[in-house]
Protein backbone atom coordinates (compact mmCIF):
# COMPACT_ATOMS: atom_id res chain seq x y z
CA MET A 1 -152.92 -125.10 192.07
CA ARG A 2 -155.09 -127.56 192.75
CA MET A 3 -153.09 -128.51 196.27
CA ILE A 4 -153.20 -124.80 197.08
CA SER A 5 -156.92 -124.72 196.60
CA LYS A 6 -157.15 -127.96 199.05
CA LEU A 7 -154.81 -126.37 201.42
CA MET A 8 -156.52 -122.92 201.44
CA PRO A 9 -160.13 -121.40 202.37
CA ALA A 10 -162.47 -120.34 199.12
CA SER A 11 -162.04 -117.15 199.91
CA THR A 12 -158.08 -116.84 200.48
CA MET A 13 -158.12 -118.35 196.99
CA LYS A 14 -160.27 -116.25 195.18
CA LEU A 15 -158.36 -113.27 196.75
CA VAL A 16 -154.81 -114.53 195.35
CA ILE A 17 -156.54 -115.08 192.34
CA SER A 18 -157.89 -111.61 191.93
CA SER A 19 -154.38 -110.13 192.65
CA ILE A 20 -152.41 -112.19 190.10
CA GLY A 21 -155.03 -110.81 187.56
CA VAL A 22 -154.27 -107.17 189.30
CA LEU A 23 -150.56 -108.29 188.53
CA ALA A 24 -150.60 -109.21 185.21
CA LEU A 25 -152.86 -106.25 184.00
CA VAL A 26 -150.30 -103.74 185.65
CA VAL A 27 -147.63 -105.49 183.82
CA PHE A 28 -149.07 -105.65 180.55
CA SER A 29 -150.92 -102.01 181.08
CA GLY A 30 -146.99 -101.30 181.55
CA LEU A 31 -145.44 -102.82 178.59
CA VAL A 32 -148.02 -101.29 176.44
CA LEU A 33 -147.20 -97.89 177.47
CA PHE A 34 -143.44 -98.64 177.49
CA ASP A 35 -144.13 -99.28 173.88
CA ALA A 36 -145.96 -96.39 173.20
CA THR A 37 -143.29 -94.41 174.12
CA LYS A 38 -141.04 -95.50 171.79
CA ALA A 39 -140.34 -93.18 169.00
CA GLU A 40 -141.02 -94.11 165.36
CA VAL A 41 -138.26 -93.41 162.88
CA VAL A 42 -137.89 -94.57 158.84
CA ILE A 43 -134.38 -95.31 157.95
CA ALA A 44 -133.59 -95.08 154.28
CA GLU A 45 -130.52 -96.87 153.09
CA ASP A 46 -129.61 -96.59 149.69
CA GLY A 47 -132.67 -96.26 149.05
CA LYS A 48 -134.48 -99.03 150.78
CA LYS A 49 -136.75 -97.97 153.69
CA GLN A 50 -137.60 -99.71 156.67
CA THR A 51 -139.71 -97.90 160.02
CA VAL A 52 -137.98 -98.55 163.35
CA LYS A 53 -139.44 -97.69 167.04
CA THR A 54 -136.47 -97.22 169.39
CA HIS A 55 -136.18 -95.65 172.89
CA LYS A 56 -132.38 -94.99 171.69
CA ASN A 57 -131.17 -91.03 172.28
CA THR A 58 -129.53 -90.48 169.08
CA VAL A 59 -129.29 -91.18 165.81
CA GLU A 60 -125.65 -93.15 166.19
CA GLU A 61 -127.55 -95.30 168.75
CA LEU A 62 -130.27 -95.88 166.66
CA LEU A 63 -128.05 -96.98 163.58
CA ALA A 64 -126.25 -99.07 165.65
CA GLU A 65 -129.24 -100.84 166.84
CA VAL A 66 -130.43 -101.95 163.44
CA GLY A 67 -126.79 -102.71 162.63
CA ILE A 68 -125.36 -99.52 160.03
CA THR A 69 -121.72 -98.34 160.75
CA VAL A 70 -121.16 -95.53 159.18
CA GLU A 71 -117.62 -94.43 157.88
CA GLU A 72 -116.10 -91.50 156.80
CA HIS A 73 -117.09 -91.37 153.01
CA ASP A 74 -120.68 -92.22 153.67
CA TYR A 75 -123.70 -89.89 153.69
CA LEU A 76 -125.82 -89.66 156.44
CA SER A 77 -128.80 -87.23 156.53
CA HIS A 78 -128.47 -86.34 159.98
CA ASN A 79 -125.34 -85.61 162.67
CA LYS A 80 -124.46 -88.65 164.61
CA ALA A 81 -125.32 -86.89 167.74
CA ASP A 82 -128.98 -85.44 166.75
CA SER A 83 -131.74 -86.59 168.70
CA VAL A 84 -133.77 -88.93 167.50
CA GLU A 85 -137.60 -87.54 167.43
CA ASN A 86 -140.68 -89.65 166.39
CA GLY A 87 -141.59 -88.92 162.92
CA MET A 88 -137.86 -88.26 161.97
CA GLU A 89 -137.05 -89.75 158.66
CA ILE A 90 -133.16 -90.78 158.21
CA SER A 91 -131.03 -91.71 155.09
CA TYR A 92 -127.96 -93.33 154.60
CA LYS A 93 -125.94 -94.21 151.31
CA GLN A 94 -122.64 -96.16 151.78
CA ALA A 95 -119.91 -94.98 149.83
CA LYS A 96 -118.45 -96.69 146.40
CA GLN A 97 -114.27 -96.59 145.97
CA VAL A 98 -113.24 -95.59 142.37
CA THR A 99 -109.92 -95.36 141.33
CA VAL A 100 -109.23 -92.69 138.24
CA THR A 101 -106.32 -93.38 136.11
CA ILE A 102 -105.16 -90.22 133.77
CA ASP A 103 -102.23 -91.24 131.19
CA ASP A 104 -99.79 -92.87 134.48
CA GLU A 105 -100.98 -90.93 137.02
CA GLN A 106 -103.83 -93.19 139.53
CA LYS A 107 -105.67 -91.73 142.08
CA ASN A 108 -108.66 -93.31 144.37
CA TYR A 109 -112.10 -91.44 145.38
CA TYR A 110 -115.29 -92.52 147.27
CA THR A 111 -118.45 -91.21 145.97
CA THR A 112 -122.37 -91.80 147.10
CA VAL A 113 -123.32 -90.34 143.40
CA ASP A 114 -125.20 -92.60 141.16
CA THR A 115 -123.66 -92.02 137.74
CA ILE A 116 -120.10 -91.57 136.64
CA ASN A 117 -121.21 -88.19 135.17
CA GLU A 118 -122.18 -87.35 138.69
CA PHE A 119 -119.00 -88.00 140.23
CA LEU A 120 -116.97 -86.43 137.48
CA GLU A 121 -119.18 -82.85 138.49
CA GLU A 122 -118.65 -83.75 142.03
CA ASN A 123 -114.96 -83.70 141.24
CA ASN A 124 -114.37 -81.32 139.31
CA LEU A 125 -113.06 -82.87 136.68
CA SER A 126 -113.51 -82.91 132.62
CA PHE A 127 -112.22 -84.61 129.66
CA LYS A 128 -112.39 -83.62 125.90
CA GLN A 129 -114.00 -85.71 123.62
CA ARG A 130 -110.60 -86.49 121.78
CA ASP A 131 -109.41 -87.72 124.65
CA ASP A 132 -109.69 -91.58 125.41
CA VAL A 133 -112.00 -92.77 127.62
CA SER A 134 -113.25 -96.31 129.14
CA PHE A 135 -116.47 -95.22 130.34
CA LYS A 136 -119.97 -93.34 129.36
CA PRO A 137 -121.58 -90.39 131.14
CA GLU A 138 -124.53 -92.44 131.74
CA ASP A 139 -122.97 -95.32 132.94
CA ALA A 140 -123.96 -96.38 137.12
CA ILE A 141 -121.09 -96.13 139.36
CA GLU A 142 -119.98 -99.45 141.41
CA ASP A 143 -117.91 -100.11 144.03
CA GLY A 144 -114.43 -100.70 142.99
CA LEU A 145 -114.99 -98.87 139.46
CA HIS A 146 -111.58 -98.25 137.67
CA ILE A 147 -111.77 -95.17 134.96
CA LYS A 148 -109.12 -95.18 132.72
CA VAL A 149 -108.24 -91.82 130.81
CA LYS A 150 -105.77 -91.05 128.09
CA GLN A 151 -105.80 -87.55 127.42
CA ALA A 152 -104.55 -86.46 124.19
CA TYR A 153 -101.52 -84.38 122.99
CA GLN A 154 -100.40 -82.69 119.70
CA VAL A 155 -97.46 -83.98 117.72
CA THR A 156 -96.36 -82.43 114.29
CA ILE A 157 -96.24 -84.24 111.18
CA ASN A 158 -93.90 -83.37 108.31
CA ASN A 159 -95.87 -84.93 105.18
CA GLY A 160 -93.29 -83.70 102.38
CA GLY A 161 -92.38 -80.93 103.26
CA LYS A 162 -95.78 -79.61 104.60
CA GLU A 163 -96.23 -79.58 108.19
CA LYS A 164 -99.14 -79.71 110.37
CA THR A 165 -100.47 -80.51 114.06
CA VAL A 166 -102.74 -83.39 115.08
CA TRP A 167 -103.90 -84.77 118.03
CA THR A 168 -103.52 -88.19 119.45
CA THR A 169 -103.62 -90.63 122.38
CA GLY A 170 -100.84 -92.57 121.33
CA GLY A 171 -100.26 -95.82 119.48
CA THR A 172 -97.89 -96.10 116.85
CA VAL A 173 -96.66 -93.88 114.46
CA ALA A 174 -98.97 -96.06 111.66
CA ASP A 175 -101.49 -95.57 113.98
CA LEU A 176 -101.07 -91.95 114.06
CA LEU A 177 -101.26 -92.12 110.16
CA GLU A 178 -104.25 -93.78 109.84
CA GLU A 179 -106.50 -91.99 112.39
CA SER A 180 -105.10 -88.67 110.43
CA GLN A 181 -106.07 -90.16 107.20
CA VAL A 182 -101.96 -89.43 105.85
CA LYS A 183 -101.79 -91.73 102.97
CA PHE A 184 -97.93 -93.30 102.13
CA ASP A 185 -96.86 -95.54 99.95
CA GLN A 186 -97.79 -99.09 101.41
CA ASP A 187 -94.65 -100.57 99.19
CA GLY A 188 -92.19 -98.56 101.40
CA ALA A 189 -90.67 -96.33 98.82
CA ASP A 190 -91.64 -93.06 100.68
CA LYS A 191 -89.13 -92.64 103.64
CA ILE A 192 -91.22 -92.59 107.60
CA LYS A 193 -89.05 -91.47 110.20
CA PRO A 194 -89.72 -92.71 113.23
CA ALA A 195 -90.46 -96.60 111.64
CA LEU A 196 -94.11 -97.46 111.31
CA GLY A 197 -94.16 -99.70 114.52
CA GLU A 198 -92.34 -97.19 116.81
CA LYS A 199 -94.60 -95.63 119.74
CA VAL A 200 -95.62 -92.27 119.39
CA THR A 201 -94.88 -90.09 122.59
CA LYS A 202 -95.44 -86.31 123.19
CA ASP A 203 -92.03 -85.27 121.56
CA THR A 204 -92.44 -87.18 118.23
CA THR A 205 -92.18 -85.21 115.23
CA VAL A 206 -93.27 -87.31 111.69
CA SER A 207 -91.44 -87.07 108.85
CA ILE A 208 -92.43 -88.46 105.63
CA VAL A 209 -90.23 -87.92 102.58
CA ARG A 210 -92.09 -88.73 99.30
CA VAL A 211 -89.90 -90.83 96.84
CA GLU A 212 -90.55 -90.67 93.40
CA THR A 213 -89.29 -92.58 90.32
CA GLU A 214 -89.81 -91.67 86.87
CA LYS A 215 -88.19 -92.20 83.71
CA ASP A 216 -86.82 -89.93 81.16
CA GLU A 217 -86.41 -90.68 77.53
CA VAL A 218 -84.47 -88.33 75.14
CA THR A 219 -82.61 -88.02 72.49
CA GLU A 220 -79.30 -86.81 72.16
CA THR A 221 -76.50 -85.94 69.57
CA ILE A 222 -73.17 -88.06 69.02
CA ALA A 223 -70.64 -85.77 68.24
CA PHE A 224 -68.27 -86.77 65.87
CA SER A 225 -64.18 -86.43 65.75
CA THR A 226 -61.92 -84.96 63.21
CA GLU A 227 -59.48 -87.39 61.70
CA GLU A 228 -56.11 -85.70 59.99
CA LYS A 229 -54.47 -87.33 57.03
CA ASN A 230 -51.07 -86.30 55.74
CA ASP A 231 -51.82 -85.69 51.75
CA SER A 232 -48.26 -85.22 49.87
CA SER A 233 -50.23 -83.81 46.52
CA LEU A 234 -51.21 -80.42 48.92
CA PRO A 235 -48.16 -77.99 49.48
CA LYS A 236 -47.04 -78.19 53.21
CA GLY A 237 -49.21 -76.49 55.48
CA GLU A 238 -52.50 -76.56 53.31
CA LYS A 239 -55.41 -78.13 54.21
CA ARG A 240 -58.54 -79.33 52.29
CA VAL A 241 -61.82 -81.07 53.93
CA LEU A 242 -62.37 -83.96 52.42
CA SER A 243 -65.50 -84.93 54.88
CA GLU A 244 -67.81 -82.20 56.55
CA GLY A 245 -68.73 -85.24 59.17
CA LYS A 246 -71.83 -85.73 60.28
CA GLU A 247 -73.15 -86.16 64.09
CA GLY A 248 -75.37 -89.32 64.95
CA LYS A 249 -78.25 -89.43 67.14
CA VAL A 250 -78.67 -91.76 70.32
CA GLU A 251 -81.79 -92.43 72.62
CA LYS A 252 -81.30 -92.52 76.39
CA VAL A 253 -83.49 -93.58 78.80
CA TYR A 254 -82.65 -92.02 82.27
CA GLU A 255 -83.81 -93.16 85.56
CA ILE A 256 -84.74 -90.06 88.30
CA VAL A 257 -85.78 -90.10 91.90
CA LYS A 258 -87.25 -87.52 93.38
CA GLU A 259 -88.12 -86.81 97.17
CA ASN A 260 -90.65 -84.16 97.72
CA GLY A 261 -90.48 -83.10 94.38
CA LYS A 262 -86.73 -82.43 94.09
CA GLU A 263 -84.19 -84.05 92.12
CA VAL A 264 -81.99 -86.69 93.99
CA SER A 265 -80.20 -88.94 91.41
CA LYS A 266 -80.49 -89.05 87.97
CA GLU A 267 -79.29 -92.80 86.36
CA LEU A 268 -78.66 -93.67 82.47
CA VAL A 269 -80.60 -97.06 82.31
CA ASP A 270 -80.83 -97.48 78.81
CA GLU A 271 -79.31 -96.35 75.31
CA ASN A 272 -79.90 -97.42 71.78
CA VAL A 273 -77.98 -95.74 68.99
CA ILE A 274 -80.41 -94.77 66.18
CA GLU A 275 -78.00 -93.22 63.59
CA GLU A 276 -73.86 -93.51 63.99
CA SER A 277 -71.55 -89.93 63.83
CA GLU A 278 -69.43 -89.88 60.69
CA ASP A 279 -65.86 -88.48 61.11
CA ARG A 280 -64.72 -85.15 59.57
CA VAL A 281 -61.65 -85.75 57.27
CA VAL A 282 -59.06 -83.12 56.73
CA ALA A 283 -56.08 -83.58 54.53
CA ILE A 284 -52.98 -82.07 55.46
CA GLY A 285 -50.34 -80.83 53.01
CA THR A 286 -46.75 -82.65 53.02
CA LYS A 287 -45.40 -81.30 49.80
CA GLN A 288 -42.19 -79.29 50.06
CA LYS A 289 -41.63 -76.41 47.53
CA GLU A 290 -38.91 -76.58 45.11
CA ASP A 291 -35.93 -74.72 45.08
CA ASN A 292 -35.29 -72.95 41.71
CA ASN A 293 -31.45 -72.15 42.76
CA LEU A 294 -31.03 -75.86 43.07
CA VAL A 295 -28.84 -76.34 39.82
CA THR A 296 -26.51 -79.41 41.23
CA LEU A 297 -29.03 -82.71 41.68
CA SER A 298 -27.02 -85.74 43.00
CA THR A 299 -27.45 -88.88 41.61
CA LYS A 300 -25.91 -90.70 44.36
CA LYS A 301 -27.72 -93.26 46.08
CA PRO A 302 -27.76 -93.27 49.79
CA LYS A 303 -25.98 -95.44 51.86
CA GLN A 304 -27.82 -98.23 53.84
CA SER A 305 -27.40 -96.23 57.04
CA GLU A 306 -28.47 -93.14 55.40
CA ALA A 307 -31.70 -95.00 53.86
CA SER A 308 -32.12 -96.77 57.38
CA SER A 309 -32.47 -93.45 59.10
CA GLU A 310 -34.16 -91.44 56.75
CA SER A 311 -36.97 -94.36 57.13
CA ASN A 312 -37.11 -94.24 60.81
CA ASN A 313 -37.46 -90.69 60.71
CA ALA A 314 -40.18 -90.59 58.42
CA GLN A 315 -41.74 -93.53 60.91
CA ASN A 316 -41.35 -91.16 64.11
CA ALA A 317 -42.74 -88.18 62.42
CA ASN A 318 -45.29 -90.37 61.32
CA ASP A 319 -46.15 -91.64 64.57
CA ARG A 320 -46.08 -87.99 66.34
CA SER A 321 -48.95 -86.92 63.53
CA GLN A 322 -50.63 -89.91 65.08
CA GLY A 323 -49.89 -89.54 68.31
CA GLY A 324 -51.51 -85.69 67.96
CA LYS A 325 -55.17 -86.85 66.75
CA THR A 326 -57.52 -84.63 67.92
CA TYR A 327 -61.46 -85.91 68.05
CA THR A 328 -64.43 -83.97 69.01
CA MET A 329 -66.36 -86.26 71.46
CA SER A 330 -69.51 -86.50 73.86
CA ALA A 331 -68.36 -87.11 77.55
CA SER A 332 -70.19 -87.72 80.61
CA ALA A 333 -69.10 -88.55 84.18
CA TYR A 334 -68.42 -91.26 86.19
CA THR A 335 -67.37 -92.14 90.12
CA ALA A 336 -65.67 -95.23 91.39
CA SER A 337 -68.97 -95.74 93.45
CA CYS A 338 -71.33 -95.98 90.46
CA SER A 339 -73.90 -98.55 90.61
CA GLY A 340 -72.14 -101.84 89.89
CA CYS A 341 -68.81 -100.49 90.08
CA SER A 342 -65.97 -102.37 91.62
CA GLY A 343 -63.79 -99.27 91.84
CA PHE A 344 -61.01 -100.76 89.34
CA THR A 345 -60.45 -99.97 86.24
CA THR A 346 -59.82 -101.92 83.06
CA THR A 347 -56.45 -101.23 83.55
CA GLY A 348 -56.10 -101.92 86.89
CA ILE A 349 -56.16 -98.48 88.09
CA ASN A 350 -57.69 -98.20 91.84
CA LEU A 351 -59.63 -95.71 91.78
CA ASN A 352 -61.24 -96.11 95.48
CA ALA A 353 -57.84 -95.28 96.85
CA ASN A 354 -57.02 -92.71 94.17
CA PRO A 355 -60.49 -90.54 93.79
CA ASN A 356 -58.76 -87.49 92.12
CA LYS A 357 -57.11 -89.88 89.73
CA LYS A 358 -57.42 -88.21 86.66
CA VAL A 359 -58.89 -91.25 84.12
CA ILE A 360 -61.31 -91.94 81.18
CA ALA A 361 -63.21 -94.31 79.73
CA VAL A 362 -62.78 -94.95 76.11
CA ASP A 363 -63.50 -97.01 72.86
CA PRO A 364 -60.34 -98.91 72.55
CA SER A 365 -60.48 -98.81 68.97
CA VAL A 366 -60.76 -95.22 68.93
CA ILE A 367 -58.48 -94.45 71.27
CA PRO A 368 -55.95 -97.15 72.93
CA LEU A 369 -55.95 -97.94 76.70
CA GLY A 370 -52.79 -96.26 78.06
CA SER A 371 -52.92 -93.67 76.05
CA ARG A 372 -51.94 -89.73 77.40
CA VAL A 373 -54.94 -87.59 76.51
CA TRP A 374 -56.24 -83.96 76.74
CA VAL A 375 -59.93 -83.24 77.45
CA GLU A 376 -61.15 -79.88 77.07
CA GLY A 377 -62.66 -78.34 80.56
CA TYR A 378 -60.56 -81.54 82.36
CA GLY A 379 -57.00 -81.74 81.52
CA GLU A 380 -54.65 -84.37 81.14
CA ALA A 381 -55.64 -87.84 81.50
CA ILE A 382 -55.48 -92.06 80.77
CA ALA A 383 -57.45 -93.71 78.80
CA GLY A 384 -57.38 -96.13 81.57
CA ASP A 385 -61.29 -97.49 81.56
CA THR A 386 -63.80 -98.55 79.05
CA GLY A 387 -67.50 -98.85 79.51
CA GLY A 388 -70.55 -100.74 77.90
CA HIS A 389 -71.99 -97.32 76.89
CA ILE A 390 -68.65 -96.58 75.62
CA VAL A 391 -68.85 -96.83 71.60
CA GLY A 392 -67.41 -94.48 68.94
CA ASN A 393 -66.61 -91.11 69.84
CA ARG A 394 -67.81 -91.31 73.56
CA ILE A 395 -65.86 -91.01 77.14
CA ASP A 396 -66.91 -90.93 80.41
CA VAL A 397 -64.00 -89.01 82.64
CA HIS A 398 -63.42 -90.16 86.19
CA VAL A 399 -64.72 -87.35 89.28
CA PRO A 400 -64.53 -88.04 92.79
CA SER A 401 -67.63 -87.81 93.62
CA LYS A 402 -71.51 -87.93 92.57
CA GLN A 403 -72.14 -84.18 92.77
CA ALA A 404 -69.15 -84.13 90.92
CA ALA A 405 -70.73 -86.15 88.16
CA TYR A 406 -74.05 -84.23 88.13
CA ASN A 407 -72.13 -80.66 87.68
CA TRP A 408 -70.48 -82.55 84.85
CA GLY A 409 -73.35 -83.58 83.43
CA ARG A 410 -73.09 -84.08 79.43
CA LYS A 411 -70.75 -81.80 77.22
CA THR A 412 -69.44 -81.91 73.77
CA VAL A 413 -65.40 -81.84 73.79
CA THR A 414 -62.20 -82.13 72.58
CA VAL A 415 -59.71 -84.80 72.89
CA LYS A 416 -56.77 -84.78 71.72
CA VAL A 417 -54.42 -87.76 72.25
CA ILE A 418 -50.50 -87.11 73.68
CA ASN A 419 -48.97 -90.20 73.08
């Protein structure tokens, strides 16, 4: 400028300076005028407001100018093609992704609302109080939120024969019973199906069989037997009761198992004889009647062979008399599959292989093992077994099944030794 001022006359110099000032004023005025023509717009982005001035014509151009890209699910208060106007307020909210899993079905959503409750209403989703949900309705929505729901369903519990329907969202059988406040024997006496650790599904029906074990103490009579004795002082065919006989008494303890209140088994676990029975004794006359017409008596001694023959005949007659001995006895029943049984009798009969074999357990001191007997209501059988509780006038008849044993029960019967 100094060089220019040296080369130019003073008047010319003043003119140049004046021109520059005018040009600067024009530029400044233009800038002021350009800025004055900008539209002033308020942009609210996710709740945060900023004021901008722009010469952009459309909302889309304005948002691009401030670095905002509007995606498909975002919220925008105006159309992108709307013209920008002075004093306009534009609201923009970026959408957040929410994943919802209902049972095993998963779906993605996008939302611009603030709370889960608003999100559920927005998408027409509703759940019951009994459903298992991973949220609280008032919780805030965050991008990437995963909402998990297990919807409740109904299952049936058969509790000791009484059915009831309950709501559940799954878990194990043990969890279901606890939720439903259904108590059961923790020691495992009750029968529960499916097992406590099994998973519950919509098709599950839980069955609880209530098992009770109780003791029953009873006093039973012991039947007496009838013993017949030959008496040569009585006329043949005549009978005389020498002793009336007396029933004994035994205390027995049974273990009874009930399922849902119904008896399913009854087992003798202990017995104690408190009074022995006494046999009834009957004398049978054997005396022959005298023949008044007999006029000749033989005084001749029989030959040795004849005497021997008579002795044998007498012995055989006595044996037949013993073989026909009759008793009145208390009879119960047992099977080869009873508790503690091997399936083989004392005399070696395989009852497992012969379930219909007619065999009775006896006291060998009363009826010898191997004897052939007839039992009232049972028929012919072999005395082929013994038992710890088979004492005195007591027998056990073998039957093919437990149900047959229950049906037999205990009864007083007549027992006759055949041979």
